[in-house]
Amino acid sequence: MAKVTRDDVARLAGTSTAVVSYVINNGPRPVAPATKERVLAAIKELGYRPDRVAQAMASRRTDLIGLIVPDARQAFFAEMAYAVEQAAAERGKMVLVGNSDYLDDREVHYLRAFLGMRVSGLILISAGPSEQAAAEIDAWDARVVLMHRRPEAIDDVAVVIDDTGGAQLATRHLLEHGHDYVACLGGVESTPEYGDPVTDHIEGWTRAMKEAGKSVEGRLFQSPYNRYDTYRVALGLLSGPDRPTALFCSTDDQAIGVLRAARELGLDVPGELAVVGFDDVKEAGLTDPPLTTIGSDRVEIAKAAVDLVLDDSLRVSGGTRSPGVAGGKGRVRQFPSRLVVRRSCGCDTPPSCNYEVS
């Protein structure tokens, strides 16, 4: 059987091959609804399948978006990857996912691989792009959007949430329960990095503590971001004579590890230990007790990242971004944080509403 071509579709629909192309690619020019219906009917009748490889070779661009995350096993990154995939599908794109494992060389590996595949753009969730990663990005004609981390350079494009404000909100809420102080479970790095979400969480915790006249000296503890290692850290922290009565965790995964350790040690949560996390992963509502946490609109964040990564005005060529919507404040989109009240913080009857950072 002869292969069905775009010319065949055009003849049956009574239009040009260019119009068929506009319908298939959803642009770049609009097509009248009646004409579009004829083209779609012809495609269905003939069983036409576009040759995506040929299209990619002609346009030097594919229908793929590259997404690099630190660790897709962690609930937050898994849920964010899913949200990005759904948002990309609405735009007719597919997503390739790579796990950097927080390693610079692994991140560079996926950058090279995805850019070599001529992806339409890259969404990068990174602990901080290395110099080598930045060089790879600048060497290609690519659109790159940082996610979850504020950019160091003013010409970077990013989608973030209000990490500092969210941490302040969480800490204030715990202090309002009458605790003498709130301890903070940060990350494993001792040197603060610009734009790092966990660094911003620590900054928000510090601000709230100082606003309340509380010292932060000796009340910041380090822990890996995953629940398994945090569980072991929490066993030591909560077994000591000076264990805190309230703990703000930089991630929900950490908080879940803390809850497991508290249960093993026989500590009542929230009676003897109040806990608040950050991220509002779906599992937070199923812990025992359900976890109070800081959330944000993950669906809208993912849509914003996909919209930005498909914006031609953000293209990088020879290390220089072209102007356009990327100018000024349009380069960084920040979404508000909100307090999602459940029972781990000490609230007996959580309110029906969430509190957004003002």
Protein backbone atom coordinates (compact mmCIF):
# COMPACT_ATOMS: atom_id res chain seq x y z
CA MET A 1 0.00 0.00 0.00
CA ALA A 2 1.37 3.42 -1.00
CA LYS A 3 2.26 5.76 1.82
CA VAL A 4 -0.28 8.52 2.39
CA THR A 5 1.29 11.95 1.92
CA ARG A 6 0.36 15.48 2.86
CA ASP A 7 -0.49 16.08 -0.81
CA ASP A 8 -3.11 13.33 -0.59
CA VAL A 9 -4.70 15.00 2.42
CA ALA A 10 -4.70 18.38 0.68
CA ARG A 11 -6.41 16.95 -2.44
CA LEU A 12 -9.13 15.22 -0.44
CA ALA A 13 -9.73 18.29 1.75
CA GLY A 14 -9.70 20.61 -1.28
CA THR A 15 -6.99 22.86 0.11
CA SER A 16 -3.24 23.46 -0.11
CA THR A 17 -0.48 21.45 1.57
CA ALA A 18 0.47 24.61 3.47
CA VAL A 19 -2.96 24.72 5.10
CA VAL A 20 -2.64 21.02 5.98
CA SER A 21 0.68 21.87 7.63
CA TYR A 22 -0.92 24.71 9.63
CA VAL A 23 -3.59 22.34 10.92
CA ILE A 24 -1.11 19.60 11.86
CA ASN A 25 1.28 21.99 13.59
CA ASN A 26 -1.41 24.23 15.06
CA GLY A 27 0.07 27.24 13.26
CA PRO A 28 1.90 29.42 12.56
CA ARG A 29 -1.11 30.81 10.63
CA PRO A 30 -4.76 30.43 11.67
CA VAL A 31 -7.09 28.18 9.68
CA ALA A 32 -10.83 28.74 9.32
CA PRO A 33 -12.86 26.28 11.44
CA ALA A 34 -14.68 24.77 8.46
CA THR A 35 -11.40 24.24 6.57
CA LYS A 36 -9.77 22.75 9.65
CA GLU A 37 -12.64 20.27 9.98
CA ARG A 38 -12.21 19.17 6.34
CA VAL A 39 -8.48 18.66 6.84
CA LEU A 40 -8.97 16.66 10.04
CA ALA A 41 -11.64 14.54 8.35
CA ALA A 42 -9.30 13.84 5.44
CA ILE A 43 -6.48 12.90 7.82
CA LYS A 44 -8.76 10.46 9.61
CA GLU A 45 -10.18 8.95 6.39
CA LEU A 46 -6.76 8.44 4.80
CA GLY A 47 -5.02 7.37 8.01
CA TYR A 48 -2.31 9.98 7.49
CA ARG A 49 0.55 10.04 10.03
CA PRO A 50 2.96 13.00 9.94
CA ASP A 51 6.65 12.13 9.59
CA ARG A 52 7.95 13.77 12.75
CA VAL A 53 11.56 12.91 11.95
CA ALA A 54 11.35 14.69 8.61
CA GLN A 55 9.67 17.65 10.24
CA ALA A 56 12.42 17.86 12.84
CA MET A 57 15.14 17.70 10.18
CA ALA A 58 13.49 20.46 8.19
CA SER A 59 12.85 22.78 11.13
CA ARG A 60 15.89 21.75 13.21
CA ARG A 61 13.45 21.48 16.11
CA THR A 62 11.42 18.59 17.55
CA ASP A 63 8.19 18.34 19.51
CA LEU A 64 10.22 17.43 22.58
CA ILE A 65 10.93 19.36 25.77
CA GLY A 66 13.84 18.32 27.95
CA LEU A 67 13.28 18.30 31.71
CA ILE A 68 16.20 17.74 34.08
CA VAL A 69 15.39 17.11 37.74
CA PRO A 70 17.68 16.30 40.68
CA ASP A 71 15.87 13.10 41.70
CA ALA A 72 12.51 11.96 40.31
CA ARG A 73 12.17 9.48 43.17
CA GLN A 74 11.45 12.39 45.51
CA ALA A 75 7.75 13.16 45.62
CA PHE A 76 8.03 16.88 44.88
CA PHE A 77 10.09 16.38 41.73
CA ALA A 78 7.91 13.46 40.60
CA GLU A 79 4.75 15.55 40.95
CA MET A 80 6.36 18.53 39.25
CA ALA A 81 7.53 16.35 36.35
CA TYR A 82 3.99 15.02 35.94
CA ALA A 83 2.57 18.55 35.93
CA VAL A 84 5.10 19.62 33.29
CA GLU A 85 4.26 16.57 31.15
CA GLN A 86 0.56 17.41 31.30
CA ALA A 87 1.16 21.06 30.45
CA ALA A 88 3.42 20.08 27.55
CA ALA A 89 0.82 17.64 26.20
CA GLU A 90 -1.69 20.50 26.06
CA ARG A 91 0.77 22.28 23.77
CA GLY A 92 1.32 19.20 21.58
CA LYS A 93 4.74 18.44 23.05
CA MET A 94 6.31 15.44 24.76
CA VAL A 95 8.77 15.52 27.66
CA LEU A 96 12.10 13.75 28.06
CA VAL A 97 13.15 13.45 31.72
CA GLY A 98 16.69 13.08 33.04
CA ASN A 99 17.83 12.71 36.65
CA SER A 100 20.97 14.62 37.56
CA ASP A 101 21.29 13.08 41.05
CA TYR A 102 22.58 16.51 42.14
CA LEU A 103 25.77 15.80 40.15
CA ASP A 104 27.21 18.43 37.80
CA ASP A 105 28.59 15.91 35.30
CA ARG A 106 25.25 14.08 35.12
CA GLU A 107 23.46 17.37 34.53
CA VAL A 108 25.87 18.25 31.72
CA HIS A 109 25.37 14.77 30.24
CA TYR A 110 21.62 15.31 29.91
CA LEU A 111 22.06 18.87 28.69
CA ARG A 112 24.25 17.63 25.84
CA ALA A 113 21.96 14.70 25.08
CA PHE A 114 18.74 16.73 25.02
CA LEU A 115 20.21 19.68 23.14
CA GLY A 116 21.71 17.24 20.65
CA MET A 117 18.22 15.88 20.06
CA ARG A 118 17.12 19.42 19.10
CA VAL A 119 14.50 19.68 21.81
CA SER A 120 12.16 22.66 21.55
CA GLY A 121 13.47 23.86 24.89
CA LEU A 122 14.80 22.84 28.28
CA ILE A 123 13.34 23.13 31.77
CA LEU A 124 16.08 22.81 34.33
CA ILE A 125 15.49 22.05 38.01
CA SER A 126 18.99 22.33 39.34
CA ALA A 127 20.95 22.72 42.53
CA GLY A 128 22.68 25.48 40.59
CA PRO A 129 23.93 25.14 36.99
CA SER A 130 27.70 24.69 36.93
CA GLU A 131 29.99 26.74 34.71
CA GLN A 132 30.21 23.80 32.33
CA ALA A 133 26.42 23.50 32.19
CA ALA A 134 26.09 27.21 31.50
CA ALA A 135 28.67 26.90 28.71
CA GLU A 136 26.71 24.03 27.12
CA ILE A 137 23.52 26.08 27.20
CA ASP A 138 25.19 29.11 25.62
CA ALA A 139 26.78 27.00 22.90
CA TRP A 140 23.41 25.89 21.51
CA ASP A 141 20.45 27.66 19.98
CA ALA A 142 18.22 26.79 22.93
CA ARG A 143 15.50 28.07 25.18
CA VAL A 144 16.13 27.29 28.84
CA VAL A 145 13.86 27.99 31.80
CA LEU A 146 15.05 27.53 35.36
CA MET A 147 12.47 26.09 37.70
CA HIS A 148 12.39 26.02 41.49
CA ARG A 149 15.50 28.22 41.73
CA ARG A 150 15.89 31.97 41.33
CA PRO A 151 18.43 32.95 38.66
CA GLU A 152 21.82 34.42 39.49
CA ALA A 153 22.01 36.47 36.30
CA ILE A 154 19.35 39.05 35.47
CA ASP A 155 18.94 37.69 31.93
CA ASP A 156 18.04 34.16 33.05
CA VAL A 157 14.45 33.00 32.75
CA ALA A 158 12.85 31.28 35.72
CA VAL A 159 9.60 30.15 37.32
CA VAL A 160 9.75 30.07 41.12
CA ILE A 161 7.60 30.27 44.23
CA ASP A 162 7.95 32.59 47.22
CA ASP A 163 10.20 30.28 49.24
CA THR A 164 11.24 32.91 51.77
CA GLY A 165 7.69 34.11 52.41
CA GLY A 166 6.40 30.55 52.70
CA ALA A 167 9.01 29.65 55.32
CA GLN A 168 8.15 32.78 57.28
CA LEU A 169 4.49 31.82 57.21
CA ALA A 170 5.24 28.30 58.46
CA THR A 171 7.49 29.51 61.29
CA ARG A 172 5.08 32.21 62.41
CA HIS A 173 2.28 29.65 62.53
CA LEU A 174 4.28 27.35 64.79
CA LEU A 175 5.27 30.24 67.07
CA GLU A 176 1.61 31.22 67.35
CA HIS A 177 1.04 27.82 68.99
CA GLY A 178 3.12 29.05 71.92
CA HIS A 179 6.44 27.29 71.37
CA ASP A 180 9.53 28.88 72.94
CA TYR A 181 11.29 28.55 69.60
CA VAL A 182 11.09 26.72 66.28
CA ALA A 183 14.01 24.60 65.10
CA CYS A 184 14.75 24.35 61.37
CA LEU A 185 15.83 21.35 59.35
CA GLY A 186 17.81 22.70 56.42
CA GLY A 187 19.88 20.99 53.75
CA VAL A 188 23.31 19.38 53.73
CA GLU A 189 25.20 22.39 52.39
CA SER A 190 26.89 24.70 54.87
CA THR A 191 27.51 27.51 52.36
CA PRO A 192 24.36 29.42 51.34
CA GLU A 193 23.80 29.70 47.59
CA TYR A 194 21.94 32.47 45.82
CA GLY A 195 18.51 31.43 44.64
CA ASP A 196 18.58 28.00 46.30
CA PRO A 197 15.08 27.22 47.65
CA VAL A 198 16.34 25.63 50.87
CA THR A 199 18.62 28.62 51.51
CA ASP A 200 15.54 30.80 51.07
CA HIS A 201 13.60 28.58 53.48
CA ILE A 202 16.29 29.10 56.08
CA GLU A 203 16.18 32.84 55.43
CA GLY A 204 12.41 32.91 55.92
CA TRP A 205 12.70 30.89 59.15
CA THR A 206 15.42 33.25 60.39
CA ARG A 207 13.32 36.34 59.66
CA ALA A 208 10.27 34.96 61.46
CA MET A 209 12.33 33.96 64.49
CA LYS A 210 13.99 37.37 64.72
CA GLU A 211 10.64 39.13 64.28
CA ALA A 212 9.45 37.21 67.34
CA GLY A 213 12.60 38.06 69.31
CA LYS A 214 13.85 34.46 69.21
CA SER A 215 17.45 33.38 68.78
CA VAL A 216 18.39 31.06 65.92
CA GLU A 217 21.72 30.12 67.47
CA GLY A 218 22.13 26.34 67.54
CA ARG A 219 18.62 25.79 66.20
CA LEU A 220 19.43 25.08 62.55
CA PHE A 221 20.18 21.46 61.73
CA GLN A 222 21.46 19.85 58.55
CA SER A 223 19.86 16.91 56.82
CA PRO A 224 19.67 15.35 53.34
CA TYR A 225 16.47 16.17 51.48
CA ASN A 226 15.07 12.64 51.34
CA ARG A 227 12.94 10.98 54.02
CA TYR A 228 15.19 7.95 54.53
CA ASP A 229 18.35 9.79 55.54
CA THR A 230 16.31 12.41 57.41
CA TYR A 231 14.72 9.63 59.47
CA ARG A 232 18.19 8.68 60.75
CA VAL A 233 19.09 12.32 61.43
CA ALA A 234 15.80 12.85 63.28
CA LEU A 235 16.37 9.81 65.51
CA GLY A 236 19.45 11.53 66.89
CA LEU A 237 17.94 15.00 67.03
CA LEU A 238 14.79 13.90 68.83
CA SER A 239 16.59 11.57 71.26
CA GLY A 240 18.70 14.34 72.78
CA PRO A 241 17.96 16.19 76.01
CA ASP A 242 17.41 19.48 74.20
CA ARG A 243 15.04 18.21 71.54
CA PRO A 244 12.83 20.92 70.03
CA THR A 245 9.07 21.02 70.53
CA ALA A 246 8.49 22.55 67.08
CA LEU A 247 10.30 21.83 63.84
CA PHE A 248 10.08 23.47 60.42
CA CYS A 249 11.37 21.15 57.67
CA SER A 250 12.63 22.51 54.36
CA THR A 251 10.89 19.74 52.41
CA ASP A 252 7.92 17.46 52.95
CA ASP A 253 10.16 14.46 52.37
CA GLN A 254 12.23 15.54 55.37
CA ALA A 255 9.06 16.06 57.43
CA ILE A 256 7.83 12.55 56.56
CA GLY A 257 11.15 11.15 57.80
CA VAL A 258 10.78 13.17 61.02
CA LEU A 259 7.25 11.84 61.59
CA ARG A 260 8.50 8.27 61.21
CA ALA A 261 11.32 8.87 63.71
CA ALA A 262 8.96 10.54 66.20
CA ARG A 263 6.58 7.57 66.06
CA GLU A 264 9.45 5.14 66.65
CA LEU A 265 10.62 7.17 69.67
CA GLY A 266 7.10 7.30 71.10
CA LEU A 267 6.75 11.08 70.73
CA ASP A 268 3.25 12.43 70.28
CA VAL A 269 2.80 14.67 67.24
CA PRO A 270 1.75 17.41 67.68
CA GLY A 271 1.50 17.15 71.49
CA GLU A 272 5.26 16.78 72.11
CA LEU A 273 6.53 17.77 68.67
CA ALA A 274 4.82 20.05 66.15
CA VAL A 275 5.99 19.65 62.54
CA VAL A 276 5.49 21.72 59.39
CA GLY A 277 6.92 20.82 55.98
CA PHE A 278 7.29 22.55 52.63
CA ASP A 279 6.02 21.49 49.15
CA ASP A 280 2.54 20.04 49.85
CA VAL A 281 3.14 16.74 48.10
CA LYS A 282 0.05 14.55 47.84
CA GLU A 283 1.37 12.16 50.46
CA ALA A 284 1.36 14.97 53.05
CA GLY A 285 -2.38 14.52 53.48
CA LEU A 286 -1.97 10.81 54.22
CA THR A 287 0.69 10.91 56.95
CA ASP A 288 -0.21 10.26 60.59
CA PRO A 289 -1.02 12.89 61.63
CA PRO A 290 -1.66 14.68 58.33
CA LEU A 291 1.17 17.10 57.62
CA THR A 292 0.77 20.86 57.75
CA THR A 293 2.89 22.28 54.97
CA ILE A 294 3.53 25.11 52.53
CA GLY A 295 2.02 24.68 49.08
CA SER A 296 1.70 26.48 45.77
CA ASP A 297 -0.20 26.07 42.50
CA ARG A 298 1.93 23.37 40.88
CA VAL A 299 -0.28 23.12 37.78
CA GLU A 300 -0.01 26.82 37.00
CA ILE A 301 3.73 26.78 37.72
CA ALA A 302 4.20 23.96 35.21
CA LYS A 303 2.09 25.75 32.61
CA ALA A 304 4.12 28.92 33.06
CA ALA A 305 7.39 27.01 32.61
CA VAL A 306 6.16 25.30 29.43
CA ASP A 307 4.81 28.58 28.03
CA LEU A 308 8.14 30.28 28.65
CA VAL A 309 10.25 27.46 27.25
CA LEU A 310 8.22 27.50 24.01
CA ASP A 311 8.49 31.29 23.65
CA ASP A 312 10.75 32.08 20.67
CA SER A 313 11.76 35.41 22.20
CA LEU A 314 13.70 33.54 24.89
CA ARG A 315 15.96 31.76 22.42
CA VAL A 316 19.68 31.73 23.17
CA SER A 317 22.02 32.07 20.22
CA GLY A 318 25.76 32.34 20.61
CA GLY A 319 25.40 33.08 24.31
CA THR A 320 23.01 36.03 23.82
CA ARG A 321 19.31 36.00 24.54
CA SER A 322 17.14 37.92 22.14
CA PRO A 323 14.84 40.60 23.58
CA GLY A 324 11.08 40.36 23.75
CA VAL A 325 8.80 39.22 26.55
CA ALA A 326 11.95 38.19 28.36
CA GLY A 327 12.77 41.81 29.10
CA GLY A 328 12.44 43.20 32.60
CA LYS A 329 10.33 41.44 35.22
CA GLY A 330 8.86 39.08 32.63
CA ARG A 331 11.96 36.92 32.92
CA VAL A 332 11.11 35.66 36.41
CA ARG A 333 7.59 34.55 37.31
CA GLN A 334 7.07 34.12 41.06
CA PHE A 335 4.03 32.31 42.43
CA PRO A 336 2.74 32.85 45.98
CA SER A 337 3.10 30.32 48.77
CA ARG A 338 0.23 29.30 51.02
CA LEU A 339 -0.06 27.58 54.36
CA VAL A 340 -1.95 24.28 54.10
CA VAL A 341 -3.16 23.59 57.63
CA ARG A 342 -3.63 20.00 58.75
CA ARG A 343 -2.96 18.49 62.20
CA SER A 344 0.81 18.04 62.60
CA CYS A 345 1.19 21.69 63.64
CA GLY A 346 -1.21 21.44 66.58
CA CYS A 347 -4.42 22.74 65.02
CA ASP A 348 -7.32 20.60 66.33
CA THR A 349 -9.77 21.64 63.62
CA PRO A 350 -7.93 22.88 60.53
CA PRO A 351 -9.69 25.79 58.80
CA SER A 352 -11.28 25.13 55.45
CA CYS A 353 -9.15 27.76 53.74
CA ASN A 354 -5.44 28.05 53.09
CA TYR A 355 -3.43 31.13 53.94
CA GLU A 356 -1.48 32.82 51.17
CA VAL A 357 1.58 34.95 51.80
CA SER A 358 0.55 38.58 51.69
